[in-house]
């Protein structure tokens, strides 16, 4: 779990993947979007 948080840079995104609200590809895309706007 913590590895996923480190990779995605977001606890919320990792929790969404674990609960199957979003898939891995969506999480990576959202993480990139988040980094671009920070």
N, C-alpha and C. Protein backbone atom coordinates (compact mmCIF):
# COMPACT_ATOMS: atom_id res chain seq x y z
N UNK A 1 0.83 -1.20 0.00
CA UNK A 1 0.00 0.00 0.00
C UNK A 1 0.87 1.26 0.00
N UNK A 2 1.87 1.29 0.88
CA UNK A 2 2.73 2.48 0.96
C UNK A 2 3.55 2.67 -0.31
N UNK A 3 3.95 1.57 -0.97
CA UNK A 3 4.65 1.69 -2.25
C UNK A 3 3.74 2.38 -3.27
N UNK A 4 2.49 1.98 -3.30
CA UNK A 4 1.54 2.61 -4.21
C UNK A 4 1.36 4.09 -3.92
N UNK A 5 1.34 4.44 -2.66
CA UNK A 5 1.22 5.85 -2.28
C UNK A 5 2.45 6.62 -2.75
N UNK A 6 3.64 6.02 -2.58
CA UNK A 6 4.87 6.68 -3.04
C UNK A 6 4.85 6.88 -4.55
N UNK A 7 4.38 5.89 -5.29
CA UNK A 7 4.36 5.97 -6.75
C UNK A 7 3.32 6.98 -7.21
N UNK A 8 2.13 6.92 -6.67
CA UNK A 8 1.05 7.80 -7.11
C UNK A 8 1.11 9.18 -6.45
N UNK A 9 1.84 9.30 -5.36
CA UNK A 9 1.96 10.56 -4.62
C UNK A 9 0.63 11.00 -4.01
N UNK A 10 -0.26 10.05 -3.78
CA UNK A 10 -1.56 10.43 -3.22
C UNK A 10 -2.19 9.25 -2.47
N UNK A 11 -2.48 9.47 -1.21
CA UNK A 11 -3.17 8.45 -0.42
C UNK A 11 -4.59 8.24 -0.96
N UNK A 12 -5.23 9.33 -1.35
CA UNK A 12 -6.61 9.25 -1.85
C UNK A 12 -6.69 8.41 -3.11
N UNK A 13 -5.77 8.64 -4.05
CA UNK A 13 -5.78 7.85 -5.29
C UNK A 13 -5.53 6.37 -5.00
N UNK A 14 -4.59 6.08 -4.11
CA UNK A 14 -4.30 4.68 -3.78
C UNK A 14 -5.50 4.02 -3.13
N UNK A 15 -6.19 4.73 -2.26
CA UNK A 15 -7.38 4.17 -1.63
C UNK A 15 -8.47 3.91 -2.67
N UNK A 16 -8.61 4.82 -3.64
CA UNK A 16 -9.61 4.64 -4.70
C UNK A 16 -9.29 3.40 -5.53
N UNK A 17 -8.01 3.15 -5.79
CA UNK A 17 -7.61 1.95 -6.54
C UNK A 17 -7.91 0.70 -5.71
N UNK A 18 -7.54 0.73 -4.44
CA UNK A 18 -7.77 -0.44 -3.58
C UNK A 18 -9.25 -0.77 -3.44
N UNK A 19 -10.08 0.25 -3.41
CA UNK A 19 -11.53 0.03 -3.29
C UNK A 19 -12.19 -0.17 -4.65
N UNK A 20 -11.39 -0.16 -5.71
CA UNK A 20 -11.84 -0.40 -7.09
C UNK A 20 -12.82 0.66 -7.60
N UNK A 21 -12.66 1.89 -7.10
CA UNK A 21 -13.44 3.00 -7.65
C UNK A 21 -12.85 3.44 -8.99
N UNK A 22 -11.51 3.34 -9.10
CA UNK A 22 -10.82 3.64 -10.35
C UNK A 22 -9.79 2.55 -10.59
N UNK A 23 -9.34 2.42 -11.85
CA UNK A 23 -8.30 1.43 -12.13
C UNK A 23 -6.93 2.09 -12.10
N UNK A 24 -5.89 1.28 -12.26
CA UNK A 24 -4.52 1.78 -12.14
C UNK A 24 -4.22 2.83 -13.20
N UNK A 25 -4.67 2.59 -14.43
CA UNK A 25 -4.41 3.55 -15.51
C UNK A 25 -5.03 4.91 -15.20
N UNK A 26 -6.24 4.91 -14.67
CA UNK A 26 -6.89 6.16 -14.30
C UNK A 26 -6.13 6.85 -13.17
N UNK A 27 -5.67 6.08 -12.20
CA UNK A 27 -4.94 6.65 -11.07
C UNK A 27 -3.64 7.30 -11.53
N UNK A 28 -2.93 6.65 -12.44
CA UNK A 28 -1.69 7.22 -12.96
C UNK A 28 -1.98 8.52 -13.71
N UNK A 29 -3.01 8.51 -14.53
CA UNK A 29 -3.39 9.73 -15.25
C UNK A 29 -3.75 10.87 -14.32
N UNK A 30 -4.50 10.56 -13.27
CA UNK A 30 -4.88 11.59 -12.31
C UNK A 30 -3.67 12.09 -11.51
N UNK A 31 -2.74 11.19 -11.19
CA UNK A 31 -1.54 11.59 -10.47
C UNK A 31 -0.70 12.54 -11.32
N UNK A 32 -0.60 12.24 -12.61
CA UNK A 32 0.15 13.13 -13.51
C UNK A 32 -0.53 14.49 -13.62
N UNK A 33 -1.84 14.48 -13.72
CA UNK A 33 -2.60 15.73 -13.78
C UNK A 33 -2.37 16.56 -12.52
N UNK A 34 -2.40 15.89 -11.38
CA UNK A 34 -2.18 16.59 -10.10
C UNK A 34 -0.79 17.21 -10.06
N UNK A 35 0.23 16.48 -10.51
CA UNK A 35 1.59 17.01 -10.50
C UNK A 35 1.74 18.22 -11.42
N UNK A 36 1.07 18.19 -12.57
CA UNK A 36 1.17 19.30 -13.52
C UNK A 36 0.61 20.60 -12.94
N UNK A 37 -0.40 20.51 -12.09
CA UNK A 37 -1.06 21.71 -11.58
C UNK A 37 -0.61 22.10 -10.18
N UNK A 38 0.44 21.49 -9.69
CA UNK A 38 0.97 21.88 -8.37
C UNK A 38 2.12 22.83 -8.53
